[in-house]
Amino acid sequence: MTETITHGPGAPSTGATDGPPAELVLDGATLAARQTAYAARLGTGALRARLADGSADRMRASVELKNSLIDEQIPIYGVTTGFGDSCIRQISPDKAHDLQRNLVLYHLNGTGPAAAPAVARAAMLIRANSVSRGPSAIRPEVVEQLLEHVHRGILPLIPERGSLGASGDLVPLCYVAASLIGEGDVWHDGRIRPALDALLEEGLDPVLLEPKEGLALINGTSFTAAYGVHAAWDARELAFIAELSTALTLEALHGNASAFHPFVHGNKPHPGQVVSASNVRALLHGSRLATDFEQILIRRERLEGRGYVRLTEADRIQDKYSVRCAPQIVGVLRDTLNWVEQWLGVEINSSSDNPLFDPSDGGLHLGGNFYAGHVGQAMDSLKIAVAGLADLLDRQLELVVDEKFNEGLPPNLIVAREEQDPQAGLHHGFKGMQIAASAITAEALKQANPASVFSRSTEAHNQDKVSMGTIAARDARTINGLVREVAAIHLLALAQAVELRGIDKASPAIRAVHSLLREHSEFVERDRRLDRDVNAVIELIETGALRRAVGLSDEDFLGGKEIADVVAA
């Protein structure tokens, strides 16, 4: 059955809980990265996930095979043997149940802050989808209980740190398994509480794990992939924000929009670059602030027989790279996202635990699908592309606030005052904001160092080569957050700049964005604290509110539409 997310009119926006619940059908084959991120951001009660028809039969078939092999008293890794390097120690079948519970308990040693609820939700959905393929030898009733936890908002508190990304996410996913058996703490009903208390209140019984089921729950890449799908969603949101910022920068600087002409990008047709340029053009549609090459030619000073003329800054025939080359920069991120989401799609639709059982021929297969190398490589690449946006936006901000480059705007975007005004010389506008943006940009660029190259041999040299995919994915999350902060500062400066230019001359899309920004941040008449304004705009970016302001809904975004598609329609 094909995976679907369905919702009626007025479906809840990201994080909302009102409206009809979305339905996510898990078949282990068709779950998409973007749909997973979207579904995981829906609030408690707004999402109903279930196993697809046929999944339960596949799962029961592998359980039957597992049980028959246990009866033969052969060594089955992680079922009737110890784990990892301890696989040479075989136990009798009557000990197999206790082994699974101990597996969960001895991995409850994670550190660091708890993962966000949306990450926990995504990890639970991805784990359920992965084992729904069938070969993991876990009962469908266990997975249905896991999905019931998602629906009722019983979310495990999962420490971020402790996973090598091989052998899967043992430590963090143990907190998912622990909540199922009534151990550990969960987030439920608006507070942190013991998992067992939450289960009792909801009328749910703790799961009694059968052989292999603890391993099936924790020996996979679902926690890494959860961070990955959210990082990809947020990065795609930031690609739009970078294009929006570029359009605003062009208006603020009376920039030359000819660099975004389809002819230019058709002659270097990287798909992401073409889309990015098209989006900027769409955002500028109707602008009377941005200029183009033809207008510059009309107004420029003529040679009129002279051998040399120095054009004014206003007649500069092309802009600096941070404006002119924006599609070539944002386009790299867009094209990176395309293959990153493809790799994530394969990962979240894979059986990523060990061993696997093949009922078709009675086969027991030992392997290493728990190795999150693809996710690690994807996230390290995504980190670099997203961090580049921070650098791009920071450079654009410099052009807007610096009176040497901002085409006649006041220095630091302060309100111009007469010399005799008592307030003259006292205000510095966005000078401090630029300093903060540069500091945050440096932090984002530093964070872009690859994590996947830092493999460490561990667990008695059994896990002697590991992916570090979880760290890479968490880094991608962190960089997205830093770039949001830079973007928020830049957008506030740009709102000030276009208002100084004359907001009535801005394009309709830019006016809509400016109006939303002004609901959260007033025009800066004099020096004042702006940290609260920055935080408000960060939230507008993170929740997609700015994207929706120009007509690109969550449903359109989920379906792959761009602002250029909306404007064309």
Protein backbone atom coordinates (compact mmCIF):
# COMPACT_ATOMS: atom_id res chain seq x y z
CA MET A 1 0.00 0.00 0.00
CA THR A 2 1.27 3.46 -0.81
CA GLU A 3 2.17 5.69 2.12
CA THR A 4 -0.12 8.70 2.42
CA ILE A 5 -0.73 11.71 4.57
CA THR A 6 -4.31 12.88 4.28
CA HIS A 7 -5.97 15.88 5.83
CA GLY A 8 -9.15 17.81 5.31
CA PRO A 9 -9.68 21.52 4.72
CA GLY A 10 -7.96 23.73 7.25
CA ALA A 11 -5.36 21.07 8.12
CA PRO A 12 -3.17 22.03 11.04
CA SER A 13 -0.02 23.98 10.34
CA THR A 14 3.27 22.79 11.75
CA GLY A 15 2.92 22.20 15.47
CA ALA A 16 -0.84 22.80 15.61
CA THR A 17 -3.25 20.35 17.18
CA ASP A 18 -6.59 21.56 15.82
CA GLY A 19 -8.27 20.21 12.72
CA PRO A 20 -8.74 16.63 11.56
CA PRO A 21 -5.88 14.23 12.29
CA ALA A 22 -3.48 13.33 9.50
CA GLU A 23 -3.11 9.65 8.71
CA LEU A 24 0.27 8.11 8.01
CA VAL A 25 0.21 4.60 6.57
CA LEU A 26 3.46 2.70 7.11
CA ASP A 27 4.43 -0.07 4.71
CA GLY A 28 8.23 -0.02 4.99
CA ALA A 29 8.61 1.02 1.36
CA THR A 30 7.07 4.40 0.52
CA LEU A 31 7.60 6.71 3.50
CA ALA A 32 9.15 9.99 2.30
CA ALA A 33 11.62 12.13 4.23
CA ARG A 34 9.63 15.33 3.80
CA GLN A 35 6.37 13.68 4.83
CA THR A 36 8.01 12.20 7.92
CA ALA A 37 9.28 15.59 9.07
CA TYR A 38 5.90 17.18 8.47
CA ALA A 39 4.00 14.45 10.28
CA ALA A 40 6.38 14.48 13.25
CA ARG A 41 5.78 18.20 13.75
CA LEU A 42 2.05 17.78 14.16
CA GLY A 43 0.90 18.05 17.75
CA THR A 44 -0.51 15.29 19.94
CA GLY A 45 -3.78 13.99 18.54
CA ALA A 46 -3.15 15.55 15.14
CA LEU A 47 -1.51 12.46 13.70
CA ARG A 48 -2.74 8.88 13.41
CA ALA A 49 -0.18 6.38 12.08
CA ARG A 50 -0.97 2.74 11.31
CA LEU A 51 0.58 -0.28 9.68
CA ALA A 52 -0.36 -0.88 6.07
CA ASP A 53 -2.34 -3.92 5.05
CA GLY A 54 0.05 -6.83 4.65
CA SER A 55 2.70 -5.54 7.07
CA ALA A 56 1.40 -7.59 10.00
CA ASP A 57 1.48 -10.80 7.96
CA ARG A 58 5.08 -10.21 6.91
CA MET A 59 6.09 -9.47 10.49
CA ARG A 60 4.38 -12.58 11.89
CA ALA A 61 6.07 -14.77 9.28
CA SER A 62 9.52 -13.73 10.45
CA VAL A 63 8.49 -14.15 14.09
CA GLU A 64 7.43 -17.73 13.33
CA LEU A 65 10.75 -18.42 11.63
CA LYS A 66 12.65 -16.96 14.58
CA ASN A 67 10.73 -19.13 17.03
CA SER A 68 11.38 -22.27 15.01
CA LEU A 69 15.11 -21.52 14.93
CA ILE A 70 15.12 -20.89 18.68
CA ASP A 71 13.58 -24.34 19.16
CA GLU A 72 16.54 -25.81 17.25
CA GLN A 73 18.82 -24.33 19.93
CA ILE A 74 21.25 -22.91 17.37
CA PRO A 75 23.17 -19.72 18.23
CA ILE A 76 21.11 -16.80 16.93
CA TYR A 77 22.89 -13.46 17.31
CA GLY A 78 21.25 -11.20 19.90
CA VAL A 79 18.54 -13.79 20.53
CA THR A 80 20.38 -16.71 22.09
CA THR A 81 23.84 -15.11 22.17
CA GLY A 82 25.34 -12.08 23.82
CA PHE A 83 25.64 -8.80 21.97
CA GLY A 84 28.53 -7.41 19.95
CA ASP A 85 31.85 -8.92 20.95
CA SER A 86 29.92 -11.17 23.34
CA CYS A 87 28.34 -13.10 20.47
CA ILE A 88 30.55 -16.09 21.34
CA ARG A 89 28.46 -16.63 24.50
CA GLN A 90 25.35 -18.69 23.79
CA ILE A 91 22.43 -18.88 26.22
CA SER A 92 19.58 -21.33 26.52
CA PRO A 93 16.20 -20.39 24.99
CA ASP A 94 14.59 -19.97 28.41
CA LYS A 95 16.88 -16.97 29.06
CA ALA A 96 16.08 -15.21 25.77
CA HIS A 97 13.25 -13.05 27.14
CA ASP A 98 15.34 -11.64 30.00
CA LEU A 99 18.19 -10.93 27.60
CA GLN A 100 16.05 -8.45 25.66
CA ARG A 101 15.03 -6.50 28.75
CA ASN A 102 18.64 -6.34 29.93
CA LEU A 103 19.70 -5.14 26.49
CA VAL A 104 17.42 -2.13 26.89
CA LEU A 105 18.42 -1.40 30.47
CA TYR A 106 22.19 -1.52 30.03
CA HIS A 107 22.06 0.98 27.17
CA LEU A 108 20.17 3.61 29.19
CA ASN A 109 23.25 5.76 29.58
CA GLY A 110 22.73 8.66 27.19
CA THR A 111 23.85 12.18 28.05
CA GLY A 112 23.10 15.71 27.01
CA PRO A 113 19.82 17.55 26.49
CA ALA A 114 16.72 15.63 25.52
CA ALA A 115 15.85 15.51 21.85
CA ALA A 116 12.97 17.75 20.82
CA PRO A 117 9.51 16.13 20.78
CA ALA A 118 9.41 16.31 16.98
CA VAL A 119 12.67 14.33 16.81
CA ALA A 120 11.37 11.70 19.24
CA ARG A 121 8.15 11.43 17.23
CA ALA A 122 10.08 11.05 13.97
CA ALA A 123 12.34 8.39 15.45
CA MET A 124 9.31 6.40 16.61
CA LEU A 125 7.59 6.67 13.22
CA ILE A 126 10.74 5.71 11.32
CA ARG A 127 11.43 2.74 13.61
CA ALA A 128 7.86 1.53 13.17
CA ASN A 129 8.14 1.91 9.40
CA SER A 130 11.47 0.10 9.24
CA VAL A 131 10.37 -2.99 11.13
CA SER A 132 7.05 -3.05 9.25
CA ARG A 133 9.01 -4.43 6.29
CA GLY A 134 8.94 -7.81 8.03
CA PRO A 135 12.44 -9.34 8.40
CA SER A 136 13.09 -7.96 11.91
CA ALA A 137 11.13 -10.68 13.78
CA ILE A 138 9.09 -8.35 15.96
CA ARG A 139 5.37 -8.79 16.57
CA PRO A 140 3.04 -6.26 14.92
CA GLU A 141 1.35 -5.75 18.30
CA VAL A 142 4.56 -4.18 19.64
CA VAL A 143 4.72 -1.75 16.74
CA GLU A 144 1.04 -0.90 17.08
CA GLN A 145 1.70 -0.07 20.73
CA LEU A 146 4.59 2.16 19.66
CA LEU A 147 2.28 4.01 17.25
CA GLU A 148 -0.32 4.33 19.99
CA HIS A 149 2.32 6.11 22.08
CA VAL A 150 2.80 8.56 19.21
CA HIS A 151 -0.92 9.20 18.92
CA ARG A 152 -1.42 9.74 22.64
CA GLY A 153 1.65 11.90 23.03
CA ILE A 154 3.71 9.54 25.19
CA LEU A 155 7.14 10.62 23.99
CA PRO A 156 10.35 9.23 25.48
CA LEU A 157 12.92 11.68 26.80
CA ILE A 158 15.89 10.71 24.62
CA PRO A 159 19.31 12.15 25.50
CA GLU A 160 20.96 13.45 22.35
CA ARG A 161 24.41 11.99 22.92
CA GLY A 162 25.65 8.42 23.00
CA SER A 163 25.19 7.04 19.48
CA LEU A 164 28.00 6.13 17.08
CA GLY A 165 25.60 5.69 14.19
CA ALA A 166 26.70 2.00 14.14
CA SER A 167 25.54 -0.42 15.54
CA GLY A 168 22.59 1.77 14.79
CA ASP A 169 21.43 4.15 17.52
CA LEU A 170 21.63 1.72 20.41
CA VAL A 171 21.70 4.22 23.25
CA PRO A 172 19.04 6.71 22.11
CA LEU A 173 16.65 4.09 20.75
CA CYS A 174 16.82 2.24 24.07
CA TYR A 175 14.86 5.14 25.52
CA VAL A 176 12.13 4.44 22.95
CA ALA A 177 12.12 0.78 23.89
CA ALA A 178 12.23 1.64 27.60
CA SER A 179 9.05 3.69 27.39
CA LEU A 180 7.30 0.71 25.81
CA ILE A 181 8.23 -1.55 28.73
CA GLY A 182 7.30 1.10 31.30
CA GLU A 183 10.83 2.22 32.15
CA GLY A 184 12.37 5.70 32.12
CA ASP A 185 10.74 9.10 31.78
CA VAL A 186 8.45 10.45 29.08
CA TRP A 187 6.91 13.71 28.03
CA HIS A 188 3.16 13.29 28.44
CA ASP A 189 0.21 15.58 29.06
CA GLY A 190 2.41 18.67 29.18
CA ARG A 191 4.92 17.40 31.73
CA ILE A 192 7.76 14.99 32.36
CA ARG A 193 6.71 11.90 34.25
CA PRO A 194 7.62 8.21 34.71
CA ALA A 195 6.71 6.16 31.67
CA LEU A 196 4.77 3.65 33.75
CA ASP A 197 2.55 6.38 35.20
CA ALA A 198 1.74 7.67 31.71
CA LEU A 199 0.90 4.16 30.49
CA LEU A 200 -1.38 3.51 33.44
CA GLU A 201 -3.21 6.81 32.95
CA GLU A 202 -3.74 6.03 29.26
CA GLY A 203 -4.88 2.48 30.05
CA LEU A 204 -1.96 0.89 28.20
CA ASP A 205 -0.04 -2.14 29.42
CA PRO A 206 3.76 -2.22 29.31
CA VAL A 207 5.12 -4.44 26.54
CA LEU A 208 6.73 -7.72 27.53
CA LEU A 209 9.53 -8.12 25.00
CA GLU A 210 9.94 -11.46 23.30
CA PRO A 211 13.27 -12.70 21.93
CA LYS A 212 14.84 -10.35 19.35
CA GLU A 213 12.27 -7.58 19.95
CA GLY A 214 14.53 -5.38 22.04
CA LEU A 215 17.20 -5.68 19.38
CA ALA A 216 14.67 -4.94 16.63
CA LEU A 217 13.70 -1.72 18.39
CA ILE A 218 17.17 -0.36 19.15
CA ASN A 219 19.54 -1.81 16.54
CA GLY A 220 18.67 0.64 13.77
CA THR A 221 19.39 4.10 12.39
CA SER A 222 16.03 5.66 13.19
CA PHE A 223 17.30 8.30 15.65
CA THR A 224 19.96 9.47 13.20
CA ALA A 225 17.42 9.49 10.39
CA ALA A 226 14.97 11.44 12.56
CA TYR A 227 17.44 14.27 12.88
CA GLY A 228 18.16 13.87 9.19
CA VAL A 229 14.60 14.32 7.95
CA HIS A 230 14.12 17.37 10.15
CA ALA A 231 17.45 18.84 9.04
CA ALA A 232 16.45 18.41 5.40
CA TRP A 233 13.04 20.04 5.99
CA ASP A 234 14.59 22.99 7.80
CA ALA A 235 17.31 23.37 5.18
CA ARG A 236 14.70 23.56 2.43
CA GLU A 237 12.91 26.24 4.45
CA LEU A 238 16.20 28.13 4.70
CA ALA A 239 16.74 27.90 0.95
CA PHE A 240 13.50 29.86 0.52
CA ILE A 241 14.56 32.33 3.23
CA ALA A 242 17.85 32.93 1.42
CA GLU A 243 15.97 33.65 -1.80
CA LEU A 244 13.59 35.94 0.05
CA SER A 245 16.54 37.76 1.62
CA THR A 246 18.18 38.10 -1.78
CA ALA A 247 15.03 39.63 -3.26
CA LEU A 248 14.79 42.05 -0.34
CA THR A 249 18.48 42.90 -0.72
CA LEU A 250 17.95 43.69 -4.40
CA GLU A 251 15.14 46.06 -3.48
CA ALA A 252 17.07 47.63 -0.61
CA LEU A 253 20.12 48.30 -2.83
CA HIS A 254 18.24 49.11 -6.05
CA GLY A 255 20.01 45.99 -7.27
CA ASN A 256 20.22 44.69 -10.82
CA ALA A 257 17.73 41.86 -11.27
CA SER A 258 19.07 41.03 -14.74
CA ALA A 259 21.48 38.55 -13.15
CA PHE A 260 18.42 36.37 -12.45
CA HIS A 261 17.22 36.29 -16.08
CA PRO A 262 16.25 32.81 -17.33
CA PHE A 263 18.79 33.09 -20.17
CA VAL A 264 21.65 33.27 -17.69
CA HIS A 265 20.62 30.21 -15.73
CA GLY A 266 19.46 28.26 -18.75
CA ASN A 267 23.07 28.35 -19.84
CA LYS A 268 24.22 26.69 -16.63
CA PRO A 269 21.17 24.60 -15.92
CA HIS A 270 21.88 23.03 -12.54
CA PRO A 271 18.28 22.39 -11.45
CA GLY A 272 18.64 24.00 -8.03
CA GLN A 273 20.23 27.10 -9.51
CA VAL A 274 17.46 27.46 -12.08
CA VAL A 275 14.78 27.08 -9.40
CA SER A 276 16.49 29.56 -7.09
CA ALA A 277 16.77 32.25 -9.74
CA SER A 278 13.14 31.68 -10.70
CA ASN A 279 12.04 32.09 -7.09
CA VAL A 280 13.90 35.38 -6.70
CA ARG A 281 12.32 36.68 -9.90
CA ALA A 282 8.89 35.66 -8.62
CA LEU A 283 9.44 37.44 -5.32
CA LEU A 284 10.50 40.59 -7.20
CA HIS A 285 7.51 40.55 -9.56
CA GLY A 286 5.98 44.03 -9.52
CA SER A 287 8.91 45.70 -7.77
CA ARG A 288 9.67 49.37 -8.41
CA LEU A 289 12.80 49.28 -6.26
CA ALA A 290 14.96 46.71 -8.01
CA THR A 291 16.42 47.75 -11.34
CA ASP A 292 17.77 45.95 -14.41
CA PHE A 293 20.46 46.36 -17.03
CA GLU A 294 18.16 48.10 -19.51
CA GLN A 295 17.20 50.79 -16.99
CA ILE A 296 20.85 51.37 -16.13
CA LEU A 297 21.68 51.85 -19.80
CA ILE A 298 18.93 54.44 -20.16
CA ARG A 299 19.95 56.57 -17.19
CA ARG A 300 23.74 56.25 -17.35
CA GLU A 301 26.05 59.11 -18.26
CA ARG A 302 27.03 58.91 -21.95
CA LEU A 303 30.59 59.04 -23.26
CA GLU A 304 29.64 61.73 -25.80
CA GLY A 305 33.04 61.66 -27.48
CA ARG A 306 35.07 61.32 -24.29
CA GLY A 307 37.56 58.51 -23.87
CA TYR A 308 36.59 57.74 -20.26
CA VAL A 309 33.63 58.17 -17.93
CA ARG A 310 33.37 56.95 -14.35
CA LEU A 311 29.85 55.72 -13.76
CA THR A 312 28.16 56.44 -10.45
CA GLU A 313 27.59 53.68 -7.90
CA ALA A 314 23.90 53.88 -8.77
CA ASP A 315 24.78 52.98 -12.36
CA ARG A 316 26.99 50.02 -11.48
CA ILE A 317 26.10 47.50 -14.17
CA GLN A 318 26.44 44.45 -11.96
CA ASP A 319 26.21 43.77 -8.24
CA LYS A 320 28.63 42.11 -5.89
CA TYR A 321 28.81 38.33 -5.75
CA SER A 322 26.70 37.95 -2.60
CA VAL A 323 23.78 39.37 -4.58
CA ARG A 324 24.51 38.42 -8.16
CA CYS A 325 25.63 34.84 -7.46
CA ALA A 326 22.93 33.98 -4.92
CA PRO A 327 21.23 31.38 -7.18
CA GLN A 328 24.56 29.67 -7.76
CA ILE A 329 24.98 29.45 -3.96
CA VAL A 330 21.44 28.59 -2.90
CA GLY A 331 21.20 26.25 -5.88
CA VAL A 332 23.98 24.10 -4.44
CA LEU A 333 21.86 23.59 -1.32
CA ARG A 334 18.75 22.80 -3.37
CA ASP A 335 20.55 20.19 -5.47
CA THR A 336 22.19 18.73 -2.37
CA LEU A 337 18.77 18.42 -0.76
CA ASN A 338 17.45 16.44 -3.70
CA TRP A 339 19.92 13.58 -3.25
CA VAL A 340 19.94 13.93 0.55
CA GLU A 341 16.18 13.38 0.64
CA GLN A 342 16.54 10.45 -1.74
CA TRP A 343 19.14 8.81 0.52
CA LEU A 344 17.02 9.50 3.58
CA GLY A 345 14.07 7.90 1.82
CA VAL A 346 16.04 4.72 1.27
CA GLU A 347 17.27 4.75 4.88
CA ILE A 348 13.87 5.14 6.51
CA ASN A 349 12.39 2.41 4.30
CA SER A 350 15.10 -0.11 5.14
CA SER A 351 15.47 -2.97 7.60
CA SER A 352 18.37 -1.48 9.56
CA ASP A 353 18.77 -4.06 12.32
CA ASN A 354 20.63 -7.36 12.62
CA PRO A 355 19.98 -10.25 12.19
CA LEU A 356 17.26 -10.46 9.56
CA PHE A 357 14.95 -13.40 8.93
CA ASP A 358 13.78 -14.54 5.49
CA PRO A 359 10.64 -16.68 5.78
CA SER A 360 10.68 -17.46 2.06
CA ASP A 361 13.62 -19.83 2.43
CA GLY A 362 14.06 -20.13 6.19
CA GLY A 363 17.20 -18.03 6.02
CA LEU A 364 18.88 -16.28 8.96
CA HIS A 365 21.06 -13.43 7.71
CA LEU A 366 23.71 -11.55 9.67
CA GLY A 367 24.82 -8.18 8.29
CA GLY A 368 25.47 -4.54 8.97
CA ASN A 369 22.47 -2.53 7.80
CA PHE A 370 22.67 -0.64 11.10
CA TYR A 371 25.62 1.34 9.71
CA ALA A 372 24.42 4.92 9.10
CA GLY A 373 27.14 5.83 6.62
CA HIS A 374 24.79 7.21 4.00
CA VAL A 375 23.05 9.47 6.50
CA GLY A 376 26.39 10.63 7.89
CA GLN A 377 27.69 11.52 4.44
CA ALA A 378 24.42 13.22 3.55
CA MET A 379 24.35 15.30 6.71
CA ASP A 380 28.00 16.35 6.44
CA SER A 381 27.31 17.54 2.89
CA LEU A 382 24.11 19.28 3.93
CA LYS A 383 25.94 21.06 6.76
CA ILE A 384 28.41 22.63 4.35
CA ALA A 385 25.72 23.81 1.94
CA VAL A 386 23.57 25.32 4.72
CA ALA A 387 26.52 26.99 6.45
CA GLY A 388 27.26 28.67 3.13
CA LEU A 389 23.90 30.44 3.42
CA ALA A 390 25.00 32.08 6.68
CA ASP A 391 28.05 33.46 4.89
CA LEU A 392 25.90 34.65 1.98
CA LEU A 393 23.39 36.44 4.22
CA ASP A 394 26.10 37.97 6.40
CA ARG A 395 27.76 39.44 3.29
CA GLN A 396 24.45 40.81 2.05
CA LEU A 397 23.86 42.38 5.44
CA GLU A 398 27.21 44.17 5.21
CA LEU A 399 26.15 45.75 1.90
CA VAL A 400 22.85 46.93 3.37
CA VAL A 401 24.11 48.50 6.60
CA ASP A 402 27.41 49.98 5.34
CA GLU A 403 26.98 53.48 3.97
CA LYS A 404 29.90 52.87 1.58
CA PHE A 405 27.87 50.23 -0.27
CA ASN A 406 24.16 50.71 0.50
CA GLU A 407 23.29 53.13 -2.31
CA GLY A 408 22.40 56.16 -0.21
CA LEU A 409 20.71 54.50 2.74
CA PRO A 410 21.71 56.00 6.09
CA PRO A 411 24.66 54.41 7.93
CA ASN A 412 23.58 51.33 9.91
CA LEU A 413 20.04 52.07 8.71
CA ILE A 414 19.52 54.74 11.36
CA VAL A 415 16.83 57.35 10.86
CA ALA A 416 18.36 60.41 9.22
CA ARG A 417 18.41 63.46 11.49
CA GLU A 418 19.35 67.09 11.07
CA GLU A 419 22.61 68.15 12.70
CA GLN A 420 20.80 70.40 15.16
CA ASP A 421 18.54 67.52 16.29
CA PRO A 422 19.42 66.68 19.94
CA GLN A 423 19.37 62.97 18.97
CA ALA A 424 21.87 63.43 16.11
CA GLY A 425 24.91 61.18 16.50
CA LEU A 426 23.47 59.18 19.39
CA HIS A 427 22.06 56.21 17.50
CA HIS A 428 23.83 53.30 15.81
CA GLY A 429 20.87 51.34 14.45
CA PHE A 430 21.90 47.93 13.16
CA LYS A 431 25.63 48.13 13.91
CA GLY A 432 25.34 45.72 16.84
CA MET A 433 23.09 43.44 14.81
CA GLN A 434 25.78 43.11 12.15
CA ILE A 435 28.37 42.23 14.78
CA ALA A 436 26.12 39.49 16.15
CA ALA A 437 25.39 38.13 12.67
CA SER A 438 29.09 37.88 11.88
CA ALA A 439 29.78 36.02 15.14
CA ILE A 440 26.94 33.55 14.53
CA THR A 441 28.09 33.03 10.94
CA ALA A 442 31.58 32.12 12.13
CA GLU A 443 30.08 29.58 14.52
CA ALA A 444 28.01 28.02 11.74
CA LEU A 445 31.02 27.75 9.44
CA LYS A 446 33.13 26.20 12.20
CA GLN A 447 30.40 23.64 12.91
CA ALA A 448 30.48 22.51 9.27
CA ASN A 449 33.55 20.33 9.80
CA PRO A 450 32.62 16.74 8.85
CA ALA A 451 31.79 14.34 11.66
CA SER A 452 31.89 11.16 9.59
CA VAL A 453 35.69 11.19 9.40
CA PHE A 454 36.01 10.81 13.19
CA SER A 455 35.40 7.07 13.44
CA ARG A 456 36.43 5.55 16.79
CA SER A 457 36.95 1.85 17.45
CA THR A 458 34.94 0.74 20.48
CA GLU A 459 33.11 -2.13 22.18
CA ALA A 460 36.17 -4.41 22.47
CA HIS A 461 37.12 -3.62 18.85
CA ASN A 462 33.94 -5.25 17.54
CA GLN A 463 32.60 -1.87 16.44
CA ASP A 464 36.00 -0.92 15.03
CA LYS A 465 34.66 1.30 12.23
CA VAL A 466 31.61 3.49 12.85
CA SER A 467 29.72 6.16 10.90
CA MET A 468 29.26 9.01 13.41
CA GLY A 469 26.11 9.70 11.40
CA THR A 470 24.16 10.74 14.49
CA ILE A 471 26.66 13.46 15.33
CA ALA A 472 26.63 14.66 11.72
CA ALA A 473 22.83 14.84 11.75
CA ARG A 474 22.76 16.69 15.06
CA ASP A 475 25.38 19.09 13.68
CA ALA A 476 23.12 19.73 10.69
CA ARG A 477 20.31 20.55 13.11
CA THR A 478 22.60 22.97 14.97
CA ILE A 479 23.78 24.72 11.82
CA ASN A 480 20.20 25.15 10.64
CA GLY A 481 19.45 26.90 13.92
CA LEU A 482 22.47 29.19 13.60
CA VAL A 483 21.57 30.12 10.02
CA ARG A 484 18.03 30.93 11.15
CA GLU A 485 19.51 33.38 13.64
CA VAL A 486 21.63 35.09 10.97
CA ALA A 487 18.63 35.18 8.63
CA ALA A 488 16.40 36.72 11.30
CA ILE A 489 18.88 39.54 11.90
CA HIS A 490 19.26 40.09 8.17
CA LEU A 491 15.50 40.16 7.57
CA LEU A 492 14.99 42.76 10.28
CA ALA A 493 17.65 44.95 8.68
CA LEU A 494 16.09 44.44 5.26
CA ALA A 495 12.63 45.36 6.55
CA GLN A 496 14.14 48.59 7.87
CA ALA A 497 15.94 49.23 4.58
CA VAL A 498 12.96 48.76 2.26
CA GLU A 499 10.84 50.91 4.56
CA LEU A 500 13.45 53.66 4.28
CA ARG A 501 13.35 53.24 0.49
CA GLY A 502 9.55 53.30 0.38
CA ILE A 503 7.66 50.11 1.09
CA ASP A 504 4.93 51.14 -1.33
CA LYS A 505 7.41 50.58 -4.16
CA ALA A 506 8.26 47.04 -3.09
CA SER A 507 6.83 44.00 -4.84
CA PRO A 508 3.56 42.55 -3.53
CA ALA A 509 5.38 39.53 -2.12
CA ILE A 510 7.88 41.70 -0.28
CA ARG A 511 5.11 43.92 1.07
CA ALA A 512 3.36 40.84 2.47
CA VAL A 513 6.55 39.72 4.19
CA HIS A 514 7.23 43.23 5.49
CA SER A 515 3.73 43.42 6.93
CA LEU A 516 4.23 40.15 8.82
CA LEU A 517 7.62 41.25 10.12
CA ARG A 518 6.13 44.50 11.35
CA GLU A 519 3.57 42.57 13.38
CA HIS A 520 6.50 41.32 15.44
CA SER A 521 9.05 44.12 15.21
CA GLU A 522 8.49 47.85 14.97
CA PHE A 523 10.51 50.17 12.76
CA VAL A 524 13.72 51.10 14.59
CA GLU A 525 13.38 54.85 15.22
CA ARG A 526 16.11 54.94 17.87
CA ASP A 527 18.45 52.50 19.55
CA ARG A 528 16.65 49.82 21.50
CA ARG A 529 17.08 46.16 22.39
CA LEU A 530 16.39 43.89 19.43
CA ASP A 531 16.98 40.41 20.83
CA ARG A 532 13.27 39.81 21.33
CA ASP A 533 12.60 40.92 17.77
CA VAL A 534 15.25 38.48 16.53
CA ASN A 535 13.68 35.61 18.46
CA ALA A 536 10.25 36.44 17.07
CA VAL A 537 11.55 36.35 13.49
CA ILE A 538 13.42 33.10 14.16
CA GLU A 539 10.07 31.57 15.00
CA LEU A 540 8.51 32.97 11.82
CA ILE A 541 11.26 31.26 9.83
CA GLU A 542 11.13 27.98 11.72
CA THR A 543 7.36 27.60 11.50
CA GLY A 544 7.18 28.53 7.81
CA ALA A 545 5.10 31.65 8.50
CA LEU A 546 7.18 33.82 6.15
CA ARG A 547 6.83 31.27 3.37
CA ARG A 548 3.07 31.14 3.90
CA ALA A 549 2.94 34.94 3.83
CA VAL A 550 3.93 34.91 0.16
CA GLY A 551 1.39 32.20 -0.68
CA LEU A 552 3.39 28.97 -0.35
CA SER A 553 1.31 26.82 2.00
CA ASP A 554 2.54 23.87 4.05
CA GLU A 555 0.72 21.54 1.66
CA ASP A 556 2.41 23.14 -1.37
CA PHE A 557 5.78 23.00 0.37
CA LEU A 558 5.23 19.36 1.31
CA GLY A 559 4.32 18.58 -2.28
CA GLY A 560 7.47 20.17 -3.69
CA LYS A 561 6.02 23.41 -5.06
CA GLU A 562 8.07 26.61 -5.11
CA ILE A 563 7.08 30.26 -4.82
CA ALA A 564 7.64 30.60 -8.57
CA ASP A 565 4.93 27.96 -9.11
CA VAL A 566 2.49 29.86 -6.89
CA VAL A 567 3.13 33.19 -8.63
CA ALA A 568 2.81 31.58 -12.06
CA ALA A 569 -0.51 30.03 -11.05
